[in-house]
Amino acid sequence: MPTTAALALVAGLLGCPTFGGGPYYTRPVLGAPVDPHSADYIRSMIDAGNARGFWIAADPVEYVNLAAPLTPTYRVHPKVPYHTFDVKYPWRPGFRIEPLPDGHAMVLQTQSCELYESYGTSFDNGILSAYSGAHWNLRAPFLPLEPGRPSAMASGLSLYGGMIRWEEIASIRHALNWAAPAGTVAQWDFVRPASDTDHIVFKGSSNFQLPYGARLRLRSSFDTSKFGPQSAAIAQAMKTYGIYLADTARTNELYNAMPLDGSNPWDAGDLASLKSIRISDFQVLSLGTILRVPR
């Protein structure tokens, strides 16, 4: 379990909240209404091939880089002409980029609580480049991006906002990001707070294709009595705050980060309990207006 120093950070990483109020991420959903077609969406995903349990890395490769007021800032060079970056990013040599093809990078400016995220990130010869990304103020409510724009994730949601961080494992107080198996969710549809999709063709035949940005809630009756402390805390967050359809992967994947101190207290045996959670154990919460990615 977390150390005393880690517990001091539970309310927010280094004094920065996970967004300040508003309907997204930090609002509990214990009593939120279920979508009238919840069962149809769940069945549709299963029929399209979503048969695996949930998975989370015991050796995470995501990392939150910490910037200060004097950290140099760089203009981000877009790797494609149709994505732009509105602000300079704080960056310095030694900041970590996810060592996988996604190339995620997260930077938290701990004094201003500004968050900078990017996808397909590289830093070569003093030039910071990325495929897409977004910038938010964590002290303000989460602000969705304009339609058709991704962030560090296909959905346009915040990678950091739904990230499971070790420093808060004793009390996770926000919704989690969920990557569904590719082809089991909508190709073009999204609901707020999402702004885009992965554009991957749906494998099923149902008209009920779960839109990106959908918020699901683990059933309160799901038994976690035999879970270890880490998996139990994650499951409780799935019940209290829910999960957002934020991206796609090979399986039902949740995102977690390396601790700030560079250690790795994540317990593979404990986290393995999450594999017993299936998509059929969730309810789709009321979706609201379904939008389509501009094409």
Protein backbone atom coordinates (compact mmCIF):
# COMPACT_ATOMS: atom_id res chain seq x y z
CA MET A 1 0.00 0.00 0.00
CA PRO A 2 1.11 3.64 -0.42
CA THR A 3 3.74 5.17 1.83
CA THR A 4 2.92 8.08 4.14
CA ALA A 5 4.44 10.47 1.62
CA ALA A 6 2.29 9.04 -1.16
CA LEU A 7 -0.88 9.29 0.91
CA ALA A 8 -0.26 13.01 1.31
CA LEU A 9 -0.80 13.37 -2.44
CA VAL A 10 -4.17 11.59 -2.60
CA ALA A 11 -6.25 14.76 -2.96
CA GLY A 12 -4.32 15.68 -6.10
CA LEU A 13 -0.91 15.10 -7.57
CA LEU A 14 1.46 17.61 -5.94
CA GLY A 15 -1.44 19.89 -5.06
CA CYS A 16 -3.04 19.82 -8.51
CA PRO A 17 -6.57 18.36 -8.70
CA THR A 18 -7.75 16.06 -11.47
CA PHE A 19 -9.81 18.87 -13.00
CA GLY A 20 -11.86 21.22 -10.87
CA GLY A 21 -15.48 20.17 -10.68
CA GLY A 22 -17.86 19.98 -13.63
CA PRO A 23 -19.76 16.97 -14.96
CA TYR A 24 -16.76 15.06 -16.29
CA TYR A 25 -14.15 12.89 -14.60
CA THR A 26 -14.63 13.95 -10.95
CA ARG A 27 -18.40 13.68 -10.55
CA PRO A 28 -19.50 10.38 -8.91
CA VAL A 29 -21.97 8.32 -10.96
CA LEU A 30 -23.36 5.96 -8.30
CA GLY A 31 -26.90 7.22 -8.92
CA ALA A 32 -26.56 8.27 -12.56
CA PRO A 33 -29.28 6.99 -14.94
CA VAL A 34 -28.59 4.02 -17.18
CA ASP A 35 -29.04 4.43 -20.92
CA PRO A 36 -32.25 2.72 -22.13
CA HIS A 37 -30.18 0.76 -24.66
CA SER A 38 -27.40 -0.19 -22.25
CA ALA A 39 -27.96 -3.93 -22.71
CA ASP A 40 -27.96 -3.51 -26.52
CA TYR A 41 -24.60 -1.72 -26.47
CA ILE A 42 -23.07 -4.34 -24.18
CA ARG A 43 -24.38 -7.20 -26.31
CA SER A 44 -23.13 -5.45 -29.46
CA MET A 45 -19.58 -5.25 -28.09
CA ILE A 46 -19.62 -8.90 -27.07
CA ASP A 47 -20.93 -10.00 -30.46
CA ALA A 48 -18.18 -7.94 -32.14
CA GLY A 49 -15.50 -9.81 -30.17
CA ASN A 50 -15.16 -8.16 -26.76
CA ALA A 51 -14.76 -11.33 -24.72
CA ARG A 52 -11.68 -10.63 -22.59
CA GLY A 53 -11.38 -9.36 -19.06
CA PHE A 54 -9.83 -6.05 -18.05
CA TRP A 55 -6.06 -5.59 -17.98
CA ILE A 56 -3.65 -3.08 -16.48
CA ALA A 57 0.14 -3.03 -16.70
CA ALA A 58 2.14 -4.24 -13.70
CA ASP A 59 5.15 -2.47 -15.25
CA PRO A 60 3.60 0.75 -16.63
CA VAL A 61 5.40 2.76 -19.29
CA GLU A 62 3.37 5.95 -18.87
CA TYR A 63 5.02 8.68 -16.80
CA VAL A 64 4.03 12.16 -15.61
CA ASN A 65 6.88 14.62 -16.25
CA LEU A 66 7.02 17.54 -13.82
CA ALA A 67 7.79 21.06 -15.03
CA ALA A 68 8.53 24.24 -13.09
CA PRO A 69 8.12 27.93 -14.03
CA LEU A 70 11.71 28.05 -15.34
CA THR A 71 11.41 24.91 -17.46
CA PRO A 72 12.08 25.92 -21.10
CA THR A 73 9.11 25.94 -23.47
CA TYR A 74 9.09 24.70 -27.05
CA ARG A 75 6.82 25.16 -29.99
CA VAL A 76 5.46 21.72 -30.88
CA HIS A 77 6.00 20.84 -34.52
CA PRO A 78 2.96 18.92 -35.80
CA LYS A 79 3.82 15.73 -37.66
CA VAL A 80 0.70 16.08 -39.82
CA PRO A 81 -0.71 19.30 -41.31
CA TYR A 82 -4.25 18.81 -39.98
CA HIS A 83 -3.35 18.85 -36.25
CA THR A 84 -2.02 21.98 -34.58
CA PHE A 85 -0.72 22.95 -31.13
CA ASP A 86 -2.04 26.21 -29.70
CA VAL A 87 0.55 26.69 -26.95
CA LYS A 88 4.22 26.03 -26.34
CA TYR A 89 4.98 23.00 -24.18
CA PRO A 90 7.37 22.99 -21.23
CA TRP A 91 10.09 20.46 -22.00
CA ARG A 92 13.66 19.58 -21.19
CA PRO A 93 16.08 16.79 -22.07
CA GLY A 94 15.38 13.81 -19.83
CA PHE A 95 11.60 14.11 -19.92
CA ARG A 96 10.13 10.69 -20.56
CA ILE A 97 8.20 9.61 -23.63
CA GLU A 98 6.28 6.34 -23.60
CA PRO A 99 8.70 3.83 -25.22
CA LEU A 100 5.98 2.29 -27.39
CA PRO A 101 4.63 3.26 -30.84
CA ASP A 102 1.98 5.57 -29.29
CA GLY A 103 4.75 7.83 -27.94
CA HIS A 104 2.55 9.38 -25.25
CA ALA A 105 4.01 12.23 -23.21
CA MET A 106 2.47 14.05 -20.24
CA VAL A 107 3.86 17.18 -18.60
CA LEU A 108 2.39 18.71 -15.44
CA GLN A 109 3.43 22.25 -14.55
CA THR A 110 3.12 21.89 -10.79
CA GLN A 111 2.82 25.61 -9.94
CA SER A 112 0.12 26.56 -12.45
CA CYS A 113 -1.41 23.04 -12.60
CA GLU A 114 -1.40 23.19 -16.40
CA LEU A 115 -1.36 19.87 -18.20
CA TYR A 116 0.27 19.19 -21.56
CA GLU A 117 -0.29 15.92 -23.43
CA SER A 118 0.91 14.60 -26.78
CA TYR A 119 0.80 11.52 -28.99
CA GLY A 120 3.54 10.35 -31.33
CA THR A 121 5.98 12.52 -29.39
CA SER A 122 9.67 12.93 -30.22
CA PHE A 123 12.41 15.29 -29.07
CA ASP A 124 15.41 15.33 -31.38
CA ASN A 125 18.16 17.93 -31.71
CA GLY A 126 16.17 20.41 -29.64
CA ILE A 127 12.98 20.01 -31.72
CA LEU A 128 9.79 18.83 -30.01
CA SER A 129 7.34 17.15 -32.39
CA ALA A 130 4.07 15.24 -32.02
CA TYR A 131 1.16 13.89 -34.01
CA SER A 132 -1.58 15.35 -31.80
CA GLY A 133 -2.12 16.63 -28.29
CA ALA A 134 -3.97 18.98 -25.97
CA HIS A 135 -3.45 21.41 -23.09
CA TRP A 136 -5.75 21.90 -20.08
CA ASN A 137 -5.86 23.77 -16.77
CA LEU A 138 -6.39 21.14 -14.07
CA ARG A 139 -7.88 23.71 -11.68
CA ALA A 140 -10.76 24.28 -14.09
CA PRO A 141 -13.49 21.83 -15.12
CA PHE A 142 -12.57 19.54 -18.01
CA LEU A 143 -13.15 21.35 -21.29
CA PRO A 144 -13.95 19.12 -24.28
CA LEU A 145 -12.08 19.78 -27.52
CA GLU A 146 -13.75 20.86 -30.72
CA PRO A 147 -15.31 18.03 -32.79
CA GLY A 148 -12.87 16.12 -34.96
CA ARG A 149 -9.85 16.85 -32.78
CA PRO A 150 -8.00 14.11 -30.88
CA SER A 151 -5.75 14.68 -27.88
CA ALA A 152 -3.02 12.25 -26.85
CA MET A 153 -5.83 9.70 -27.28
CA ALA A 154 -8.13 9.11 -30.23
CA SER A 155 -11.22 10.24 -28.30
CA GLY A 156 -9.91 13.70 -27.39
CA LEU A 157 -10.19 12.87 -23.68
CA SER A 158 -7.37 13.54 -21.26
CA LEU A 159 -4.83 10.74 -20.93
CA TYR A 160 -3.79 12.07 -17.53
CA GLY A 161 -7.36 12.75 -16.37
CA GLY A 162 -8.29 9.06 -16.41
CA MET A 163 -4.85 7.74 -15.50
CA ILE A 164 -4.50 5.55 -12.40
CA ARG A 165 -1.59 7.04 -10.48
CA TRP A 166 0.11 5.17 -7.67
CA GLU A 167 0.11 8.26 -5.47
CA GLU A 168 -3.70 8.13 -5.27
CA ILE A 169 -4.30 4.36 -5.20
CA ALA A 170 -5.65 4.58 -1.64
CA SER A 171 -8.50 6.80 -2.84
CA ILE A 172 -9.08 7.24 -6.58
CA ARG A 173 -11.45 10.18 -7.06
CA HIS A 174 -12.03 10.33 -10.79
CA ALA A 175 -13.28 8.30 -13.74
CA LEU A 176 -10.82 6.01 -15.51
CA ASN A 177 -9.84 5.85 -19.16
CA TRP A 178 -10.66 2.59 -20.93
CA ALA A 179 -9.33 1.32 -24.25
CA ALA A 180 -11.68 -1.23 -25.81
CA PRO A 181 -10.66 -4.01 -28.22
CA ALA A 182 -10.36 -2.52 -31.71
CA GLY A 183 -13.41 -3.00 -33.90
CA THR A 184 -15.88 -3.50 -31.05
CA VAL A 185 -17.01 0.14 -30.76
CA ALA A 186 -18.21 2.88 -33.11
CA GLN A 187 -16.11 3.98 -36.05
CA TRP A 188 -17.37 7.57 -36.24
CA ASP A 189 -19.76 8.23 -33.33
CA PHE A 190 -18.88 10.06 -30.13
CA VAL A 191 -20.61 11.77 -27.20
CA ARG A 192 -19.34 14.56 -25.00
CA PRO A 193 -16.84 14.90 -23.44
CA ALA A 194 -15.12 13.09 -26.36
CA SER A 195 -14.38 14.90 -29.61
CA ASP A 196 -13.07 12.23 -32.00
CA THR A 197 -12.77 8.46 -32.57
CA ASP A 198 -10.21 5.92 -33.74
CA HIS A 199 -12.03 5.57 -37.09
CA ILE A 200 -11.57 1.77 -36.90
CA VAL A 201 -14.28 -0.20 -38.71
CA PHE A 202 -16.82 -1.86 -36.40
CA LYS A 203 -16.64 -5.67 -36.65
CA GLY A 204 -20.20 -6.42 -35.58
CA SER A 205 -23.58 -6.15 -37.30
CA SER A 206 -25.59 -4.29 -34.65
CA ASN A 207 -26.77 -0.70 -35.01
CA PHE A 208 -25.87 -0.17 -31.34
CA GLN A 209 -22.23 0.80 -31.68
CA LEU A 210 -20.88 2.30 -28.46
CA PRO A 211 -19.74 5.88 -29.11
CA TYR A 212 -16.42 7.24 -27.88
CA GLY A 213 -16.81 9.24 -24.69
CA ALA A 214 -19.44 6.82 -23.37
CA ARG A 215 -19.26 6.45 -19.58
CA LEU A 216 -19.82 2.99 -18.13
CA ARG A 217 -20.29 1.97 -14.50
CA LEU A 218 -19.29 -1.33 -12.93
CA ARG A 219 -22.34 -2.87 -11.27
CA SER A 220 -22.43 -2.20 -7.54
CA SER A 221 -23.18 -5.89 -6.97
CA PHE A 222 -19.88 -7.01 -8.51
CA ASP A 223 -18.01 -8.92 -5.80
CA THR A 224 -14.47 -7.72 -5.07
CA SER A 225 -14.13 -9.37 -1.66
CA LYS A 226 -11.29 -11.60 -2.90
CA PHE A 227 -9.45 -8.80 -4.71
CA GLY A 228 -6.16 -7.45 -3.41
CA PRO A 229 -5.92 -3.80 -2.29
CA GLN A 230 -4.77 -2.45 -5.65
CA SER A 231 -7.38 -4.17 -7.83
CA ALA A 232 -10.10 -3.50 -5.23
CA ALA A 233 -9.34 0.24 -5.28
CA ILE A 234 -9.49 0.29 -9.08
CA ALA A 235 -12.76 -1.66 -9.15
CA GLN A 236 -14.27 0.70 -6.59
CA ALA A 237 -13.37 3.67 -8.79
CA MET A 238 -15.12 1.89 -11.67
CA LYS A 239 -18.24 1.68 -9.50
CA THR A 240 -18.08 5.20 -8.07
CA TYR A 241 -16.79 7.25 -11.02
CA GLY A 242 -17.03 4.88 -13.97
CA ILE A 243 -14.86 4.40 -17.04
CA TYR A 244 -14.73 6.43 -20.25
CA LEU A 245 -14.40 4.84 -23.68
CA ALA A 246 -11.24 6.73 -24.57
CA ASP A 247 -9.28 4.65 -27.08
CA THR A 248 -8.78 1.17 -28.52
CA ALA A 249 -6.28 -1.60 -27.78
CA ARG A 250 -5.90 -5.37 -28.15
CA THR A 251 -7.89 -6.01 -24.99
CA ASN A 252 -9.93 -4.11 -22.39
CA GLU A 253 -7.12 -1.92 -21.10
CA LEU A 254 -6.89 0.63 -18.29
CA TYR A 255 -4.10 3.18 -18.06
CA ASN A 256 -1.73 3.54 -15.12
CA ALA A 257 1.51 5.43 -14.56
CA MET A 258 4.88 4.86 -12.97
CA PRO A 259 5.21 6.44 -9.52
CA LEU A 260 6.94 9.81 -9.46
CA ASP A 261 9.80 8.42 -7.38
CA GLY A 262 10.70 5.90 -10.08
CA SER A 263 9.83 2.82 -8.00
CA ASN A 264 7.39 0.17 -9.11
CA PRO A 265 5.08 -1.02 -6.32
CA TRP A 266 2.42 -2.31 -8.72
CA ASP A 267 1.65 -5.94 -7.87
CA ALA A 268 1.07 -8.21 -10.89
CA GLY A 269 -0.68 -10.86 -8.80
CA ASP A 270 -3.03 -8.30 -7.27
CA LEU A 271 -3.82 -6.60 -10.59
CA ALA A 272 -4.56 -9.96 -12.24
CA SER A 273 -7.91 -9.97 -10.42
CA LEU A 274 -9.14 -7.33 -12.88
CA LYS A 275 -9.17 -10.02 -15.59
CA SER A 276 -12.29 -11.42 -13.93
CA ILE A 277 -14.18 -8.20 -14.80
CA ARG A 278 -15.95 -8.49 -18.16
CA ILE A 279 -17.77 -5.91 -20.23
CA SER A 280 -21.03 -7.68 -19.29
CA ASP A 281 -20.42 -6.52 -15.68
CA PHE A 282 -21.00 -2.89 -16.70
CA GLN A 283 -23.92 -0.61 -17.43
CA VAL A 284 -23.79 2.11 -20.07
CA LEU A 285 -24.85 5.40 -18.52
CA SER A 286 -27.19 7.78 -20.33
CA LEU A 287 -25.37 8.82 -23.48
CA GLY A 288 -27.12 12.04 -24.40
CA THR A 289 -26.71 13.37 -27.94
CA ILE A 290 -24.65 11.15 -30.23
CA LEU A 291 -22.44 13.15 -32.58
CA ARG A 292 -20.41 12.10 -35.63
CA VAL A 293 -16.83 12.94 -36.50
CA PRO A 294 -16.71 15.51 -39.33
CA ARG A 295 -15.44 13.83 -42.52
